[in-house]
Amino acid sequence: MTVQTPLDLAHAAHEAAPEDDALRLRFHERLLDAELVLPVAEETAAAVAPRVFDLSDGSFVLAFDRD
């Protein structure tokens, strides 16, 4: 069983009715309120470098709303 986070639920609602501006805004609100986990490639005392994935569409950084 997969546990749905508030961000997952807001995204599913928005995907089900993409024309609904209130649902779109609710998703963005949940995204802004979420504590995100960011995989790092390198961490030093001075800085943290996120792990960057280079794909054919461009470079991406992943973030997760749970460990």
N, C-alpha and C. Protein backbone atom coordinates (compact mmCIF):
# COMPACT_ATOMS: atom_id res chain seq x y z
N MET A 1 0.84 -1.18 0.00
CA MET A 1 0.00 0.00 0.00
C MET A 1 0.88 1.24 0.00
N THR A 2 0.64 2.13 -0.91
CA THR A 2 1.40 3.37 -1.01
C THR A 2 0.69 4.46 -0.22
N VAL A 3 1.44 5.14 0.63
CA VAL A 3 0.87 6.23 1.41
C VAL A 3 0.93 7.51 0.57
N GLN A 4 -0.20 8.15 0.42
CA GLN A 4 -0.28 9.39 -0.34
C GLN A 4 -0.01 10.58 0.59
N THR A 5 0.91 11.42 0.21
CA THR A 5 1.19 12.64 0.98
C THR A 5 0.21 13.73 0.55
N PRO A 6 0.10 14.82 1.32
CA PRO A 6 -0.75 15.92 0.89
C PRO A 6 -0.37 16.45 -0.50
N LEU A 7 0.91 16.43 -0.82
CA LEU A 7 1.36 16.86 -2.14
C LEU A 7 0.87 15.89 -3.22
N ASP A 8 0.96 14.58 -2.95
CA ASP A 8 0.45 13.58 -3.89
C ASP A 8 -1.04 13.77 -4.16
N LEU A 9 -1.81 13.98 -3.10
CA LEU A 9 -3.25 14.15 -3.23
C LEU A 9 -3.60 15.41 -4.01
N ALA A 10 -2.89 16.50 -3.74
CA ALA A 10 -3.15 17.75 -4.46
C ALA A 10 -2.79 17.61 -5.94
N HIS A 11 -1.70 16.89 -6.23
CA HIS A 11 -1.30 16.67 -7.62
C HIS A 11 -2.34 15.82 -8.35
N ALA A 12 -2.82 14.76 -7.71
CA ALA A 12 -3.83 13.90 -8.33
C ALA A 12 -5.11 14.67 -8.61
N ALA A 13 -5.52 15.52 -7.69
CA ALA A 13 -6.73 16.32 -7.89
C ALA A 13 -6.55 17.28 -9.07
N HIS A 14 -5.39 17.90 -9.13
CA HIS A 14 -5.11 18.83 -10.24
C HIS A 14 -5.06 18.09 -11.58
N GLU A 15 -4.44 16.92 -11.61
CA GLU A 15 -4.36 16.14 -12.84
C GLU A 15 -5.76 15.69 -13.31
N ALA A 16 -6.65 15.43 -12.36
CA ALA A 16 -8.01 14.99 -12.71
C ALA A 16 -8.84 16.12 -13.31
N ALA A 17 -8.51 17.36 -12.96
CA ALA A 17 -9.26 18.52 -13.47
C ALA A 17 -8.30 19.66 -13.76
N PRO A 18 -7.47 19.54 -14.82
CA PRO A 18 -6.43 20.54 -15.08
C PRO A 18 -6.96 21.94 -15.38
N GLU A 19 -8.23 22.06 -15.75
CA GLU A 19 -8.81 23.38 -16.04
C GLU A 19 -9.24 24.12 -14.79
N ASP A 20 -9.25 23.44 -13.65
CA ASP A 20 -9.70 24.04 -12.39
C ASP A 20 -8.54 24.82 -11.74
N ASP A 21 -8.65 26.14 -11.79
CA ASP A 21 -7.58 27.00 -11.26
C ASP A 21 -7.40 26.83 -9.76
N ALA A 22 -8.48 26.60 -9.03
CA ALA A 22 -8.38 26.43 -7.58
C ALA A 22 -7.55 25.20 -7.23
N LEU A 23 -7.74 24.11 -7.97
CA LEU A 23 -6.95 22.90 -7.72
C LEU A 23 -5.49 23.10 -8.11
N ARG A 24 -5.25 23.84 -9.18
CA ARG A 24 -3.87 24.14 -9.58
C ARG A 24 -3.17 24.95 -8.50
N LEU A 25 -3.87 25.95 -7.99
CA LEU A 25 -3.28 26.79 -6.94
C LEU A 25 -3.08 26.00 -5.65
N ARG A 26 -4.00 25.09 -5.33
CA ARG A 26 -3.85 24.26 -4.14
C ARG A 26 -2.62 23.37 -4.26
N PHE A 27 -2.39 22.81 -5.45
CA PHE A 27 -1.18 22.00 -5.65
C PHE A 27 0.07 22.84 -5.41
N HIS A 28 0.11 24.03 -5.99
CA HIS A 28 1.29 24.89 -5.80
C HIS A 28 1.45 25.31 -4.35
N GLU A 29 0.35 25.52 -3.66
CA GLU A 29 0.42 25.86 -2.23
C GLU A 29 1.02 24.69 -1.44
N ARG A 30 0.57 23.47 -1.73
CA ARG A 30 1.12 22.29 -1.05
C ARG A 30 2.60 22.11 -1.38
N LEU A 31 2.97 22.38 -2.62
CA LEU A 31 4.38 22.27 -3.01
C LEU A 31 5.24 23.27 -2.24
N LEU A 32 4.76 24.50 -2.12
CA LEU A 32 5.51 25.52 -1.39
C LEU A 32 5.58 25.23 0.11
N ASP A 33 4.56 24.56 0.66
CA ASP A 33 4.54 24.24 2.09
C ASP A 33 5.32 22.97 2.42
N ALA A 34 5.66 22.16 1.41
CA ALA A 34 6.28 20.86 1.64
C ALA A 34 7.74 21.00 2.06
N GLU A 35 8.15 20.10 2.94
CA GLU A 35 9.57 19.95 3.25
C GLU A 35 10.11 18.94 2.26
N LEU A 36 11.05 19.35 1.43
CA LEU A 36 11.54 18.51 0.35
C LEU A 36 12.91 17.92 0.69
N VAL A 37 13.13 16.70 0.23
CA VAL A 37 14.40 16.00 0.40
C VAL A 37 15.11 16.06 -0.95
N LEU A 38 16.33 16.56 -0.95
CA LEU A 38 17.09 16.77 -2.17
C LEU A 38 18.33 15.89 -2.15
N PRO A 39 18.45 14.94 -3.09
CA PRO A 39 19.67 14.14 -3.16
C PRO A 39 20.87 15.04 -3.47
N VAL A 40 21.96 14.81 -2.77
CA VAL A 40 23.15 15.64 -2.99
C VAL A 40 24.25 14.81 -3.63
N ALA A 41 25.01 15.46 -4.49
CA ALA A 41 26.15 14.82 -5.14
C ALA A 41 27.39 14.98 -4.29
N GLU A 42 27.44 16.11 -3.59
CA GLU A 42 28.64 16.45 -2.84
C GLU A 42 28.28 17.40 -1.71
N GLU A 43 28.88 17.18 -0.57
CA GLU A 43 28.63 18.06 0.57
C GLU A 43 29.97 18.38 1.24
N THR A 44 30.23 19.66 1.39
CA THR A 44 31.43 20.11 2.08
C THR A 44 31.00 21.03 3.21
N ALA A 45 31.94 21.48 3.98
CA ALA A 45 31.62 22.41 5.08
C ALA A 45 31.10 23.74 4.54
N ALA A 46 31.49 24.09 3.32
CA ALA A 46 31.13 25.39 2.76
C ALA A 46 29.87 25.36 1.90
N ALA A 47 29.55 24.21 1.29
CA ALA A 47 28.43 24.19 0.35
C ALA A 47 27.88 22.77 0.17
N VAL A 48 26.68 22.73 -0.35
CA VAL A 48 26.03 21.47 -0.71
C VAL A 48 25.69 21.54 -2.19
N ALA A 49 26.09 20.54 -2.95
CA ALA A 49 25.81 20.51 -4.39
C ALA A 49 24.74 19.46 -4.66
N PRO A 50 23.63 19.86 -5.26
CA PRO A 50 22.59 18.88 -5.57
C PRO A 50 23.04 17.92 -6.66
N ARG A 51 22.46 16.73 -6.65
CA ARG A 51 22.75 15.77 -7.71
C ARG A 51 21.98 16.21 -8.95
N VAL A 52 22.67 16.41 -10.06
CA VAL A 52 22.07 16.87 -11.31
C VAL A 52 22.04 15.70 -12.29
N PHE A 53 20.88 15.51 -12.91
CA PHE A 53 20.69 14.45 -13.89
C PHE A 53 20.62 15.09 -15.26
N ASP A 54 21.57 14.76 -16.11
CA ASP A 54 21.61 15.29 -17.48
C ASP A 54 20.88 14.33 -18.41
N LEU A 55 19.77 14.81 -18.97
CA LEU A 55 18.97 14.02 -19.89
C LEU A 55 18.91 14.73 -21.24
N SER A 56 18.32 14.08 -22.22
CA SER A 56 18.26 14.68 -23.55
C SER A 56 17.42 15.97 -23.56
N ASP A 57 16.48 16.10 -22.64
CA ASP A 57 15.63 17.30 -22.55
C ASP A 57 16.28 18.44 -21.77
N GLY A 58 17.38 18.17 -21.10
CA GLY A 58 18.05 19.19 -20.29
C GLY A 58 18.55 18.60 -18.99
N SER A 59 18.96 19.45 -18.09
CA SER A 59 19.47 19.04 -16.78
C SER A 59 18.36 19.19 -15.74
N PHE A 60 18.26 18.19 -14.85
CA PHE A 60 17.21 18.17 -13.85
C PHE A 60 17.75 17.87 -12.48
N VAL A 61 17.09 18.40 -11.46
CA VAL A 61 17.36 18.08 -10.07
C VAL A 61 16.06 17.50 -9.50
N LEU A 62 16.16 16.39 -8.81
CA LEU A 62 14.98 15.77 -8.20
C LEU A 62 14.81 16.23 -6.77
N ALA A 63 13.57 16.30 -6.33
CA ALA A 63 13.25 16.58 -4.94
C ALA A 63 12.08 15.71 -4.55
N PHE A 64 12.09 15.20 -3.33
CA PHE A 64 11.05 14.29 -2.85
C PHE A 64 10.40 14.87 -1.61
N ASP A 65 9.12 14.55 -1.41
CA ASP A 65 8.43 15.06 -0.23
C ASP A 65 8.39 14.04 0.90
N ARG A 66 9.18 12.97 0.79
CA ARG A 66 9.37 12.01 1.88
C ARG A 66 10.70 11.29 1.64
N ASP A 67 11.26 10.73 2.71
CA ASP A 67 12.55 10.03 2.60
C ASP A 67 12.47 8.84 1.69
